[in-house]
PDB file of N, CA and C in Angstrom:
ATOM      1  N   MET A   1      53.381 -19.710  11.168  1.00  0.00           N
ATOM      2  CA  MET A   1      52.792 -19.986   9.895  1.00  0.00           C
ATOM      3  C   MET A   1      51.667 -18.932   9.536  1.00  0.00           C
ATOM      4  N   TYR A   2      51.805 -18.528   8.408  1.00  0.00           N
ATOM      5  CA  TYR A   2      50.678 -17.652   7.851  1.00  0.00           C
ATOM      6  C   TYR A   2      49.459 -18.429   7.446  1.00  0.00           C
ATOM      7  N   PHE A   3      48.401 -17.808   7.445  1.00  0.00           N
ATOM      8  CA  PHE A   3      47.034 -18.486   7.148  1.00  0.00           C
ATOM      9  C   PHE A   3      47.175 -18.985   5.680  1.00  0.00           C
ATOM     10  N   THR A   4      47.832 -18.310   4.702  1.00  0.00           N
ATOM     11  CA  THR A   4      47.852 -18.746   3.292  1.00  0.00           C
ATOM     12  C   THR A   4      48.719 -19.951   3.290  1.00  0.00           C
ATOM     13  N   ASP A   5      49.658 -20.221   4.186  1.00  0.00           N
ATOM     14  CA  ASP A   5      50.394 -21.516   4.166  1.00  0.00           C
ATOM     15  C   ASP A   5      49.651 -22.754   3.972  1.00  0.00           C
ATOM     16  N   ARG A   6      48.442 -22.672   4.570  1.00  0.00           N
ATOM     17  CA  ARG A   6      47.567 -23.930   4.586  1.00  0.00           C
ATOM     18  C   ARG A   6      47.213 -24.235   3.207  1.00  0.00           C
ATOM     19  N   GLY A   7      46.727 -23.166   2.367  1.00  0.00           N
ATOM     20  CA  GLY A   7      46.383 -23.407   0.926  1.00  0.00           C
ATOM     21  C   GLY A   7      47.542 -23.706   0.210  1.00  0.00           C
ATOM     22  N   ILE A   8      48.785 -23.179   0.387  1.00  0.00           N
ATOM     23  CA  ILE A   8      49.930 -23.593  -0.287  1.00  0.00           C
ATOM     24  C   ILE A   8      50.330 -25.055  -0.052  1.00  0.00           C
ATOM     25  N   GLU A   9      50.306 -25.411   1.208  1.00  0.00           N
ATOM     26  CA  GLU A   9      50.564 -26.836   1.605  1.00  0.00           C
ATOM     27  C   GLU A   9      49.724 -27.795   0.903  1.00  0.00           C
ATOM     28  N   GLU A  10      48.329 -27.337   0.871  1.00  0.00           N
ATOM     29  CA  GLU A  10      47.423 -28.346   0.237  1.00  0.00           C
ATOM     30  C   GLU A  10      47.615 -28.316  -1.236  1.00  0.00           C
ATOM     31  N   LEU A  11      47.908 -27.196  -1.896  1.00  0.00           N
ATOM     32  CA  LEU A  11      48.299 -27.328  -3.378  1.00  0.00           C
ATOM     33  C   LEU A  11      49.516 -28.224  -3.643  1.00  0.00           C
ATOM     34  N   VAL A  12      50.580 -28.162  -2.822  1.00  0.00           N
ATOM     35  CA  VAL A  12      51.777 -28.971  -2.922  1.00  0.00           C
ATOM     36  C   VAL A  12      51.343 -30.478  -2.696  1.00  0.00           C
ATOM     37  N   GLU A  13      50.578 -30.592  -1.603  1.00  0.00           N
ATOM     38  CA  GLU A  13      50.239 -31.970  -1.245  1.00  0.00           C
ATOM     39  C   GLU A  13      49.420 -32.690  -2.447  1.00  0.00           C
ATOM     40  N   ARG A  14      48.493 -31.848  -2.876  1.00  0.00           N
ATOM     41  CA  ARG A  14      47.467 -32.494  -3.886  1.00  0.00           C
ATOM     42  C   ARG A  14      48.134 -32.624  -5.271  1.00  0.00           C
ATOM     43  N   ARG A  15      48.854 -31.526  -5.653  1.00  0.00           N
ATOM     44  CA  ARG A  15      49.231 -31.418  -7.143  1.00  0.00           C
ATOM     45  C   ARG A  15      50.772 -31.279  -7.229  1.00  0.00           C
ATOM     46  N   GLY A  16      51.466 -31.454  -6.209  1.00  0.00           N
ATOM     47  CA  GLY A  16      53.056 -31.238  -6.219  1.00  0.00           C
ATOM     48  C   GLY A  16      53.722 -32.145  -7.151  1.00  0.00           C
ATOM     49  N   ASP A  17      53.182 -33.126  -7.557  1.00  0.00           N
ATOM     50  CA  ASP A  17      53.909 -33.998  -8.540  1.00  0.00           C
ATOM     51  C   ASP A  17      53.548 -33.659 -10.051  1.00  0.00           C
ATOM     52  N   GLU A  18      52.685 -32.772 -10.214  1.00  0.00           N
ATOM     53  CA  GLU A  18      52.352 -32.387 -11.644  1.00  0.00           C
ATOM     54  C   GLU A  18      53.274 -31.309 -12.148  1.00  0.00           C
ATOM     55  N   GLN A  19      53.371 -31.371 -13.501  1.00  0.00           N
ATOM     56  CA  GLN A  19      54.033 -30.242 -14.159  1.00  0.00           C
ATOM     57  C   GLN A  19      53.166 -29.410 -15.028  1.00  0.00           C
ATOM     58  N   VAL A  20      53.284 -28.126 -14.826  1.00  0.00           N
ATOM     59  CA  VAL A  20      52.252 -27.239 -15.758  1.00  0.00           C
ATOM     60  C   VAL A  20      53.077 -26.185 -16.325  1.00  0.00           C
ATOM     61  N   THR A  21      52.521 -25.537 -17.320  1.00  0.00           N
ATOM     62  CA  THR A  21      53.241 -24.453 -18.084  1.00  0.00           C
ATOM     63  C   THR A  21      52.725 -23.152 -17.428  1.00  0.00           C
ATOM     64  N   LEU A  22      53.538 -22.100 -17.741  1.00  0.00           N
ATOM     65  CA  LEU A  22      53.040 -20.829 -17.204  1.00  0.00           C
ATOM     66  C   LEU A  22      51.979 -20.404 -18.052  1.00  0.00           C
ATOM     67  N   GLU A  23      51.681 -20.852 -19.305  1.00  0.00           N
ATOM     68  CA  GLU A  23      50.468 -20.571 -20.004  1.00  0.00           C
ATOM     69  C   GLU A  23      49.297 -21.045 -19.189  1.00  0.00           C
ATOM     70  N   TRP A  24      49.268 -22.157 -18.708  1.00  0.00           N
ATOM     71  CA  TRP A  24      48.332 -22.860 -17.973  1.00  0.00           C
ATOM     72  C   TRP A  24      47.972 -22.043 -16.738  1.00  0.00           C
ATOM     73  N   LEU A  25      49.064 -21.802 -15.991  1.00  0.00           N
ATOM     74  CA  LEU A  25      48.952 -20.957 -14.721  1.00  0.00           C
ATOM     75  C   LEU A  25      48.323 -19.701 -15.118  1.00  0.00           C
ATOM     76  N   GLY A  26      48.733 -18.962 -16.107  1.00  0.00           N
ATOM     77  CA  GLY A  26      48.157 -17.698 -16.524  1.00  0.00           C
ATOM     78  C   GLY A  26      46.534 -17.816 -16.587  1.00  0.00           C
ATOM     79  N   GLU A  27      46.258 -18.927 -17.347  1.00  0.00           N
ATOM     80  CA  GLU A  27      44.847 -19.104 -17.711  1.00  0.00           C
ATOM     81  C   GLU A  27      43.867 -19.343 -16.274  1.00  0.00           C
ATOM     82  N   ARG A  28      44.561 -20.246 -15.462  1.00  0.00           N
ATOM     83  CA  ARG A  28      43.862 -20.473 -14.157  1.00  0.00           C
ATOM     84  C   ARG A  28      43.705 -19.119 -13.309  1.00  0.00           C
ATOM     85  N   LEU A  29      44.792 -18.278 -13.401  1.00  0.00           N
ATOM     86  CA  LEU A  29      44.767 -16.917 -12.660  1.00  0.00           C
ATOM     87  C   LEU A  29      43.648 -16.172 -13.250  1.00  0.00           C
ATOM     88  N   ARG A  30      43.411 -16.090 -14.667  1.00  0.00           N
ATOM     89  CA  ARG A  30      42.385 -15.343 -15.293  1.00  0.00           C
ATOM     90  C   ARG A  30      41.034 -15.811 -14.844  1.00  0.00           C
ATOM     91  N   ASP A  31      40.978 -17.277 -14.797  1.00  0.00           N
ATOM     92  CA  ASP A  31      39.688 -17.821 -14.434  1.00  0.00           C
ATOM     93  C   ASP A  31      39.361 -17.389 -13.052  1.00  0.00           C
ATOM     94  N   PHE A  32      40.377 -17.440 -12.077  1.00  0.00           N
ATOM     95  CA  PHE A  32      40.188 -17.028 -10.657  1.00  0.00           C
ATOM     96  C   PHE A  32      39.706 -15.547 -10.624  1.00  0.00           C
ATOM     97  N   VAL A  33      40.462 -14.643 -11.266  1.00  0.00           N
ATOM     98  CA  VAL A  33      39.977 -13.253 -11.290  1.00  0.00           C
ATOM     99  C   VAL A  33      38.598 -13.103 -11.772  1.00  0.00           C
ATOM    100  N   ASP A  34      38.325 -13.736 -12.867  1.00  0.00           N
ATOM    101  CA  ASP A  34      36.825 -13.745 -13.443  1.00  0.00           C
ATOM    102  C   ASP A  34      35.718 -14.100 -12.370  1.00  0.00           C
ATOM    103  N   LEU A  35      36.148 -15.083 -11.586  1.00  0.00           N
ATOM    104  CA  LEU A  35      35.253 -15.536 -10.547  1.00  0.00           C
ATOM    105  C   LEU A  35      35.217 -14.654  -9.359  1.00  0.00           C
ATOM    106  N   ASN A  36      36.445 -14.128  -9.143  1.00  0.00           N
ATOM    107  CA  ASN A  36      36.631 -13.298  -7.861  1.00  0.00           C
ATOM    108  C   ASN A  36      37.348 -11.945  -8.210  1.00  0.00           C
ATOM    109  N   PRO A  37      36.557 -11.055  -8.692  1.00  0.00           N
ATOM    110  CA  PRO A  37      37.275  -9.780  -9.183  1.00  0.00           C
ATOM    111  C   PRO A  37      37.833  -8.847  -8.056  1.00  0.00           C
ATOM    112  N   GLU A  38      37.407  -9.145  -6.885  1.00  0.00           N
ATOM    113  CA  GLU A  38      38.035  -8.404  -5.750  1.00  0.00           C
ATOM    114  C   GLU A  38      39.460  -8.809  -5.590  1.00  0.00           C
ATOM    115  N   PHE A  39      39.963  -9.907  -6.098  1.00  0.00           N
ATOM    116  CA  PHE A  39      41.344 -10.315  -5.914  1.00  0.00           C
ATOM    117  C   PHE A  39      42.220  -9.833  -7.245  1.00  0.00           C
ATOM    118  N   GLU A  40      41.690  -9.051  -8.135  1.00  0.00           N
ATOM    119  CA  GLU A  40      42.291  -8.596  -9.336  1.00  0.00           C
ATOM    120  C   GLU A  40      43.666  -7.985  -8.951  1.00  0.00           C
ATOM    121  N   THR A  41      43.849  -7.026  -8.046  1.00  0.00           N
ATOM    122  CA  THR A  41      45.035  -6.350  -7.734  1.00  0.00           C
ATOM    123  C   THR A  41      46.058  -7.292  -7.082  1.00  0.00           C
ATOM    124  N   PRO A  42      45.802  -8.284  -6.031  1.00  0.00           N
ATOM    125  CA  PRO A  42      46.767  -9.083  -5.420  1.00  0.00           C
ATOM    126  C   PRO A  42      47.304 -10.184  -6.574  1.00  0.00           C
ATOM    127  N   ILE A  43      46.332 -10.536  -7.427  1.00  0.00           N
ATOM    128  CA  ILE A  43      46.677 -11.539  -8.482  1.00  0.00           C
ATOM    129  C   ILE A  43      47.617 -10.938  -9.512  1.00  0.00           C
ATOM    130  N   GLU A  44      47.251  -9.669  -9.826  1.00  0.00           N
ATOM    131  CA  GLU A  44      48.204  -8.893 -10.881  1.00  0.00           C
ATOM    132  C   GLU A  44      49.680  -8.652 -10.206  1.00  0.00           C
ATOM    133  N   ARG A  45      49.576  -8.358  -8.884  1.00  0.00           N
ATOM    134  CA  ARG A  45      50.923  -8.076  -8.290  1.00  0.00           C
ATOM    135  C   ARG A  45      51.782  -9.422  -8.145  1.00  0.00           C
ATOM    136  N   PHE A  46      51.061 -10.516  -7.897  1.00  0.00           N
ATOM    137  CA  PHE A  46      51.678 -11.834  -7.783  1.00  0.00           C
ATOM    138  C   PHE A  46      52.172 -12.248  -9.186  1.00  0.00           C
ATOM    139  N   ALA A  47      51.466 -12.046 -10.262  1.00  0.00           N
ATOM    140  CA  ALA A  47      51.876 -12.377 -11.541  1.00  0.00           C
ATOM    141  C   ALA A  47      53.107 -11.506 -12.061  1.00  0.00           C
ATOM    142  N   THR A  48      53.054 -10.252 -11.641  1.00  0.00           N
ATOM    143  CA  THR A  48      54.203  -9.318 -11.881  1.00  0.00           C
ATOM    144  C   THR A  48      55.288  -9.743 -11.222  1.00  0.00           C
ATOM    145  N   TRP A  49      55.205 -10.229  -9.959  1.00  0.00           N
ATOM    146  CA  TRP A  49      56.353 -10.574  -9.007  1.00  0.00           C
ATOM    147  C   TRP A  49      57.017 -11.810  -9.760  1.00  0.00           C
ATOM    148  N   LEU A  50      56.181 -12.806 -10.156  1.00  0.00           N
ATOM    149  CA  LEU A  50      56.667 -14.068 -10.714  1.00  0.00           C
ATOM    150  C   LEU A  50      57.399 -13.733 -12.051  1.00  0.00           C
ATOM    151  N   ALA A  51      56.841 -12.838 -12.862  1.00  0.00           N
ATOM    152  CA  ALA A  51      57.409 -12.420 -14.123  1.00  0.00           C
ATOM    153  C   ALA A  51      58.711 -11.823 -14.108  1.00  0.00           C
ATOM    154  N   ARG A  52      58.981 -11.123 -12.908  1.00  0.00           N
ATOM    155  CA  ARG A  52      60.342 -10.283 -12.714  1.00  0.00           C
ATOM    156  C   ARG A  52      61.276 -10.971 -11.746  1.00  0.00           C
ATOM    157  N   LEU A  53      61.071 -12.203 -11.432  1.00  0.00           N
ATOM    158  CA  LEU A  53      61.875 -12.898 -10.439  1.00  0.00           C
ATOM    159  C   LEU A  53      63.292 -12.879 -11.072  1.00  0.00           C
ATOM    160  N   ASP A  54      63.593 -13.220 -12.218  1.00  0.00           N
ATOM    161  CA  ASP A  54      64.911 -13.195 -12.958  1.00  0.00           C
ATOM    162  C   ASP A  54      65.574 -11.764 -12.800  1.00  0.00           C
ATOM    163  N   ASP A  55      64.715 -10.763 -12.957  1.00  0.00           N
ATOM    164  CA  ASP A  55      65.295  -9.522 -12.863  1.00  0.00           C
ATOM    165  C   ASP A  55      65.976  -9.227 -11.494  1.00  0.00           C
ATOM    166  N   GLU A  56      65.476  -9.732 -10.458  1.00  0.00           N
ATOM    167  CA  GLU A  56      66.132  -9.541  -9.025  1.00  0.00           C
ATOM    168  C   GLU A  56      67.539 -10.169  -9.027  1.00  0.00           C
ATOM    169  N   ASP A  57      67.682 -11.403  -9.721  1.00  0.00           N
ATOM    170  CA  ASP A  57      68.960 -12.140  -9.731  1.00  0.00           C
ATOM    171  C   ASP A  57      70.002 -11.470 -10.530  1.00  0.00           C
ATOM    172  N   ASP A  58      69.610 -10.437 -11.519  1.00  0.00           N
ATOM    173  CA  ASP A  58      70.616  -9.749 -12.234  1.00  0.00           C
ATOM    174  C   ASP A  58      71.211  -8.534 -11.381  1.00  0.00           C
ATOM    175  N   ASP A  59      70.780  -8.223 -10.331  1.00  0.00           N
ATOM    176  CA  ASP A  59      71.275  -7.066  -9.511  1.00  0.00           C
ATOM    177  C   ASP A  59      72.592  -7.426  -8.917  1.00  0.00           C
TER     178      ASP A  59
END
C-alpha cells in the first residue's frame, strides 16, 4: 500500500456517497494549489491525466 492510499481511503470513507461535478473538483484543486503552491505541478499533472482518460481508451 502506498502512503497516499490512506488519504484516498479516507476520502472514499468520508465522502464516497457524495456526487460532485468536475467544476466543483476543479475549484477545490485550485483552492488547494492556492494554499499549497509547491503542489502546483503534481496537481496540474493529475488534472491533465483526468482530462485525457478517454483519449487512452480511443487507442
